[in-house]
N, C-alpha and C. Protein backbone atom coordinates (compact mmCIF):
# COMPACT_ATOMS: atom_id res chain seq x y z
N UNK A 1 -9.96 -30.92 -27.02
CA UNK A 1 -9.64 -30.70 -25.00
C UNK A 1 -9.01 -29.45 -25.38
N UNK A 2 -7.26 -29.89 -25.27
CA UNK A 2 -6.73 -28.86 -25.08
C UNK A 2 -6.41 -27.45 -24.80
N UNK A 3 -7.15 -27.86 -26.59
CA UNK A 3 -6.83 -26.21 -27.57
C UNK A 3 -8.40 -25.44 -27.14
N UNK A 4 -9.36 -26.59 -26.98
CA UNK A 4 -9.91 -26.00 -26.07
C UNK A 4 -10.56 -24.64 -24.97
N UNK A 5 -9.86 -26.27 -24.16
CA UNK A 5 -9.03 -25.39 -22.96
C UNK A 5 -8.62 -24.02 -23.10
N UNK A 6 -7.50 -24.12 -23.73
CA UNK A 6 -6.80 -23.28 -24.71
C UNK A 6 -6.85 -21.99 -24.91
N UNK A 7 -8.01 -22.15 -25.43
CA UNK A 7 -8.82 -20.74 -26.24
C UNK A 7 -9.68 -19.90 -25.26
N UNK A 8 -10.08 -21.24 -24.28
CA UNK A 8 -10.67 -20.64 -22.51
C UNK A 8 -9.57 -20.13 -22.18
N UNK A 9 -8.44 -19.99 -21.97
CA UNK A 9 -8.27 -19.92 -21.24
C UNK A 9 -7.51 -17.47 -21.79
N UNK A 10 -7.34 -18.29 -23.19
CA UNK A 10 -7.42 -16.63 -23.87
C UNK A 10 -8.12 -16.07 -23.18
N UNK A 11 -9.35 -15.89 -23.81
CA UNK A 11 -10.04 -15.38 -23.32
C UNK A 11 -9.97 -14.51 -22.44
N UNK A 12 -10.26 -15.46 -21.06
CA UNK A 12 -9.89 -14.95 -19.47
C UNK A 12 -9.19 -14.12 -20.43
N UNK A 13 -7.81 -14.18 -20.20
CA UNK A 13 -6.28 -13.56 -19.88
C UNK A 13 -6.82 -12.15 -20.73
N UNK A 14 -7.62 -12.48 -21.72
CA UNK A 14 -8.11 -11.16 -22.94
C UNK A 14 -8.56 -10.81 -21.47
N UNK A 15 -9.87 -10.90 -21.33
CA UNK A 15 -10.83 -9.73 -20.60
C UNK A 15 -10.50 -9.17 -18.99
N UNK A 16 -9.34 -9.98 -18.32
CA UNK A 16 -8.21 -9.86 -17.56
C UNK A 16 -7.30 -8.74 -17.79
N UNK A 17 -7.73 -8.39 -18.87
CA UNK A 17 -6.19 -7.49 -19.41
C UNK A 17 -6.85 -6.38 -19.39
N UNK A 18 -8.10 -6.95 -20.17
CA UNK A 18 -9.31 -4.77 -20.02
C UNK A 18 -9.54 -4.68 -18.51
N UNK A 19 -10.72 -5.63 -18.05
CA UNK A 19 -9.89 -4.88 -16.85
C UNK A 19 -9.34 -4.17 -15.58
N UNK A 20 -8.35 -4.73 -16.30
CA UNK A 20 -6.71 -3.87 -15.43
C UNK A 20 -6.85 -2.19 -16.43
N UNK A 21 -7.06 -2.10 -17.53
CA UNK A 21 -6.97 -1.01 -18.43
C UNK A 21 -8.13 -0.41 -17.67
N UNK A 22 -9.45 -0.72 -17.79
CA UNK A 22 -10.67 -0.14 -17.75
C UNK A 22 -10.46 0.41 -16.34
N UNK A 23 -10.27 -0.12 -15.08
CA UNK A 23 -9.76 -0.02 -13.84
C UNK A 23 -8.80 1.50 -13.91
N UNK A 24 -8.08 1.21 -14.67
CA UNK A 24 -7.18 2.55 -14.57
C UNK A 24 -7.36 3.71 -15.16
N UNK A 25 -8.60 3.48 -15.68
CA UNK A 25 -9.64 5.05 -16.28
C UNK A 25 -9.58 5.69 -15.83
N UNK A 26 -10.35 4.40 -14.54
CA UNK A 26 -11.30 4.70 -13.70
C UNK A 26 -10.73 5.51 -12.39
N UNK A 27 -9.95 4.60 -12.46
CA UNK A 27 -8.77 5.85 -10.96
C UNK A 27 -8.85 6.88 -11.57
N UNK A 28 -8.03 7.21 -13.12
CA UNK A 28 -7.26 8.14 -13.63
C UNK A 28 -8.84 9.58 -13.58
N UNK A 29 -9.69 9.02 -13.33
CA UNK A 29 -10.86 9.56 -14.13
C UNK A 29 -11.46 10.54 -12.01
N UNK A 30 -11.00 8.80 -10.97
CA UNK A 30 -11.10 9.65 -9.62
C UNK A 30 -10.15 10.10 -8.94
N UNK A 31 -8.98 10.24 -9.56
CA UNK A 31 -7.79 10.79 -9.39
C UNK A 31 -8.12 12.38 -9.66
N UNK A 32 -8.86 12.31 -10.16
CA UNK A 32 -9.27 14.14 -11.00
C UNK A 32 -10.48 14.83 -9.96
N UNK A 33 -11.28 13.63 -9.21
CA UNK A 33 -12.06 14.39 -8.88
C UNK A 33 -11.57 14.34 -7.26
N UNK A 34 -10.77 13.52 -7.60
CA UNK A 34 -10.15 13.88 -5.70
C UNK A 34 -9.55 15.26 -5.80
N UNK A 35 -8.82 15.29 -6.54
CA UNK A 35 -8.17 16.39 -6.40
C UNK A 35 -9.08 17.74 -6.49
N UNK A 36 -10.17 17.63 -7.17
CA UNK A 36 -11.26 18.85 -7.12
C UNK A 36 -11.59 19.07 -6.05
N UNK A 37 -11.63 17.69 -5.40
CA UNK A 37 -12.81 17.69 -3.68
C UNK A 37 -11.61 18.67 -3.10
N UNK A 38 -10.32 18.29 -3.10
CA UNK A 38 -9.95 18.93 -1.82
C UNK A 38 -9.76 20.55 -2.06
N UNK A 39 -9.56 20.22 -3.92
CA UNK A 39 -10.05 22.13 -3.63
C UNK A 39 -11.07 23.25 -3.33
N UNK A 40 -11.78 22.20 -3.87
CA UNK A 40 -13.00 23.11 -2.98
C UNK A 40 -13.87 22.32 -1.70
N UNK A 41 -12.44 21.47 -0.74
CA UNK A 41 -12.79 20.92 -0.22
C UNK A 41 -14.15 20.72 0.27
N UNK A 42 -13.97 19.39 -0.62
CA UNK A 42 -15.57 18.61 -0.29
C UNK A 42 -14.61 17.21 1.01
N UNK A 43 -15.74 16.32 0.86
CA UNK A 43 -15.32 15.40 1.64
C UNK A 43 -14.93 14.19 1.42
N UNK A 44 -13.84 14.03 1.35
CA UNK A 44 -13.18 12.52 0.89
C UNK A 44 -14.39 11.55 -0.12
N UNK A 45 -15.51 11.26 0.37
CA UNK A 45 -16.95 9.93 0.76
C UNK A 45 -18.10 10.81 0.92
N UNK A 46 -18.81 10.38 0.12
CA UNK A 46 -19.97 10.70 0.11
C UNK A 46 -20.65 10.06 -0.53
N UNK A 47 -21.10 9.56 1.02
CA UNK A 47 -21.90 8.64 1.43
C UNK A 47 -23.32 8.02 0.16
N UNK A 48 -23.94 9.01 0.28
CA UNK A 48 -24.99 8.92 -0.92
C UNK A 48 -25.40 8.95 -2.17
N UNK A 49 -24.05 9.55 -2.70
CA UNK A 49 -23.16 8.70 -3.69
C UNK A 49 -23.26 6.36 -4.08
N UNK A 50 -22.13 6.89 -2.88
CA UNK A 50 -22.41 5.44 -2.94
C UNK A 50 -23.16 4.47 -2.58
N UNK A 51 -24.09 4.71 -1.75
CA UNK A 51 -25.32 4.06 -2.01
C UNK A 51 -25.44 4.16 -3.34
N UNK A 52 -26.00 4.87 -4.21
CA UNK A 52 -26.79 5.01 -5.41
C UNK A 52 -26.16 3.88 -6.70
N UNK A 53 -25.38 4.16 -5.73
CA UNK A 53 -23.84 3.88 -6.71
C UNK A 53 -23.75 2.37 -7.13
N UNK A 54 -24.27 1.82 -5.44
CA UNK A 54 -24.06 0.34 -5.40
C UNK A 54 -25.30 -0.11 -5.58
N UNK A 55 -26.38 0.04 -5.79
CA UNK A 55 -27.48 -0.19 -5.47
C UNK A 55 -28.01 0.68 -7.13
N UNK A 56 -27.40 0.85 -7.96
CA UNK A 56 -27.01 0.62 -9.42
C UNK A 56 -26.50 -0.65 -10.48
N UNK A 57 -24.98 -0.80 -9.26
CA UNK A 57 -24.65 -1.91 -9.94
C UNK A 57 -24.58 -3.64 -9.25
N UNK A 58 -26.05 -3.20 -8.65
CA UNK A 58 -26.26 -3.95 -8.21
C UNK A 58 -27.22 -5.54 -8.85
N UNK A 59 -27.72 -3.61 -9.55
CA UNK A 59 -29.57 -3.46 -10.68
C UNK A 59 -27.87 -4.70 -11.83
N UNK A 60 -27.97 -3.50 -12.50
CA UNK A 60 -26.87 -4.09 -13.63
C UNK A 60 -26.53 -5.50 -13.64
N UNK A 61 -25.69 -5.93 -12.28
CA UNK A 61 -25.63 -7.21 -12.00
C UNK A 61 -26.70 -7.82 -11.98
N UNK A 62 -27.41 -7.75 -11.95
CA UNK A 62 -28.80 -8.99 -11.66
C UNK A 62 -29.27 -8.88 -13.25
N UNK A 63 -29.04 -7.94 -14.26
CA UNK A 63 -29.19 -7.88 -15.56
C UNK A 63 -28.40 -8.53 -16.55
N UNK A 64 -27.43 -8.69 -15.38
CA UNK A 64 -26.05 -9.31 -16.59
C UNK A 64 -26.63 -10.48 -16.45
N UNK A 65 -27.75 -11.31 -14.95
CA UNK A 65 -26.37 -13.15 -14.51
C UNK A 65 -25.66 -13.07 -13.40
N UNK A 66 -25.01 -11.95 -13.11
CA UNK A 66 -24.43 -11.68 -12.30
C UNK A 66 -24.50 -11.22 -10.77
N UNK A 67 -23.79 -11.97 -9.37
CA UNK A 67 -24.33 -12.28 -8.46
C UNK A 67 -24.16 -11.17 -8.19
N UNK A 68 -25.37 -10.04 -7.42
CA UNK A 68 -25.16 -8.54 -7.57
C UNK A 68 -24.64 -8.73 -6.09
N UNK A 69 -23.96 -9.71 -5.13
CA UNK A 69 -23.94 -9.34 -4.21
C UNK A 69 -22.03 -9.38 -4.46
N UNK A 70 -21.72 -10.32 -5.05
CA UNK A 70 -20.42 -10.50 -5.63
C UNK A 70 -20.05 -8.50 -6.27
N UNK A 71 -20.89 -8.18 -7.11
CA UNK A 71 -20.61 -6.87 -7.71
C UNK A 71 -20.82 -5.95 -6.16
N UNK A 72 -21.10 -5.98 -5.77
CA UNK A 72 -21.77 -4.86 -4.80
C UNK A 72 -20.32 -4.90 -3.72
N UNK A 73 -19.53 -6.16 -3.96
CA UNK A 73 -18.12 -6.06 -2.46
C UNK A 73 -17.08 -5.69 -3.78
N UNK A 74 -17.78 -5.88 -4.50
CA UNK A 74 -16.29 -5.85 -5.76
C UNK A 74 -16.01 -4.26 -5.75
N UNK A 75 -17.37 -3.46 -6.03
CA UNK A 75 -17.66 -2.01 -5.90
C UNK A 75 -17.30 -1.53 -4.58
N UNK A 76 -17.68 -2.21 -3.57
CA UNK A 76 -17.16 -1.44 -2.29
C UNK A 76 -15.81 -1.82 -1.81
N UNK A 77 -14.94 -3.18 -2.67
CA UNK A 77 -13.54 -2.68 -2.61
C UNK A 77 -12.98 -1.05 -3.49
N UNK A 78 -13.41 -0.89 -4.43
CA UNK A 78 -13.21 -0.21 -5.54
C UNK A 78 -13.88 1.57 -4.37
N UNK A 79 -14.33 1.60 -4.51
CA UNK A 79 -14.90 2.61 -3.44
C UNK A 79 -13.69 2.87 -1.88
N UNK A 80 -13.97 1.92 -1.75
CA UNK A 80 -12.86 2.20 -0.40
C UNK A 80 -11.88 2.82 -1.12
N UNK A 81 -11.02 2.37 -2.00
CA UNK A 81 -9.47 2.81 -2.03
C UNK A 81 -9.32 4.49 -2.95
N UNK A 82 -10.50 4.03 -3.80
CA UNK A 82 -10.68 5.50 -4.28
C UNK A 82 -10.97 7.00 -3.24
N UNK A 83 -11.51 6.25 -2.26
CA UNK A 83 -11.69 7.70 -0.57
C UNK A 83 -10.46 7.47 -0.65
N UNK A 84 -9.63 5.76 -0.17
CA UNK A 84 -7.67 6.60 0.66
C UNK A 84 -7.32 8.01 -0.72
N UNK A 85 -7.04 7.35 -1.63
CA UNK A 85 -6.93 8.67 -2.52
C UNK A 85 -7.36 9.75 -2.51
N UNK A 86 -9.05 9.86 -2.08
CA UNK A 86 -9.06 11.29 -2.32
C UNK A 86 -8.74 11.57 -0.87
N UNK A 87 -8.40 11.42 0.31
CA UNK A 87 -7.88 12.01 2.05
C UNK A 87 -6.25 12.24 1.32
N UNK A 88 -5.91 10.80 0.52
CA UNK A 88 -4.17 11.25 1.01
C UNK A 88 -4.46 13.06 -0.10
N UNK A 89 -5.31 13.32 -1.68
CA UNK A 89 -5.29 14.29 -2.73
C UNK A 89 -5.44 15.43 -0.84
N UNK A 90 -5.93 15.37 -0.37
CA UNK A 90 -7.15 16.04 0.21
C UNK A 90 -5.52 16.97 1.83
N UNK A 91 -5.03 15.62 1.45
CA UNK A 91 -3.49 15.86 2.80
C UNK A 91 -2.84 16.64 2.19
N UNK A 92 -2.73 16.25 0.86
CA UNK A 92 -1.17 16.70 -0.43
C UNK A 92 -1.84 18.59 -0.31
N UNK A 93 -3.03 18.75 -0.48
CA UNK A 93 -3.62 19.94 -1.11
C UNK A 93 -3.25 20.79 0.62
N UNK A 94 -3.03 20.68 1.35
CA UNK A 94 -3.19 20.71 3.03
C UNK A 94 -1.33 21.49 3.28
N UNK A 95 -1.04 20.87 2.49
CA UNK A 95 0.42 21.47 2.89
C UNK A 95 1.62 22.67 1.49
């Protein structure tokens, strides 16, 4: 029983590590997007794109048997952080 629990926990740890690295990569790209938006004077937020992304991830969640509400909350959390970064990039480029 302890061996099985240990294997499950190791799998969870590996998945968590992969999530962290994937988020880091995602934020590298969104940082570049924020810098580009600041350079060409686009707003930090894009509500139409956000809505499309949320719907796309809700559909993916359903296909993966994951709660779509959870996936939406998770994505909204990420989007809020990305927008904050984009706003900061815009402020930094104005200096």
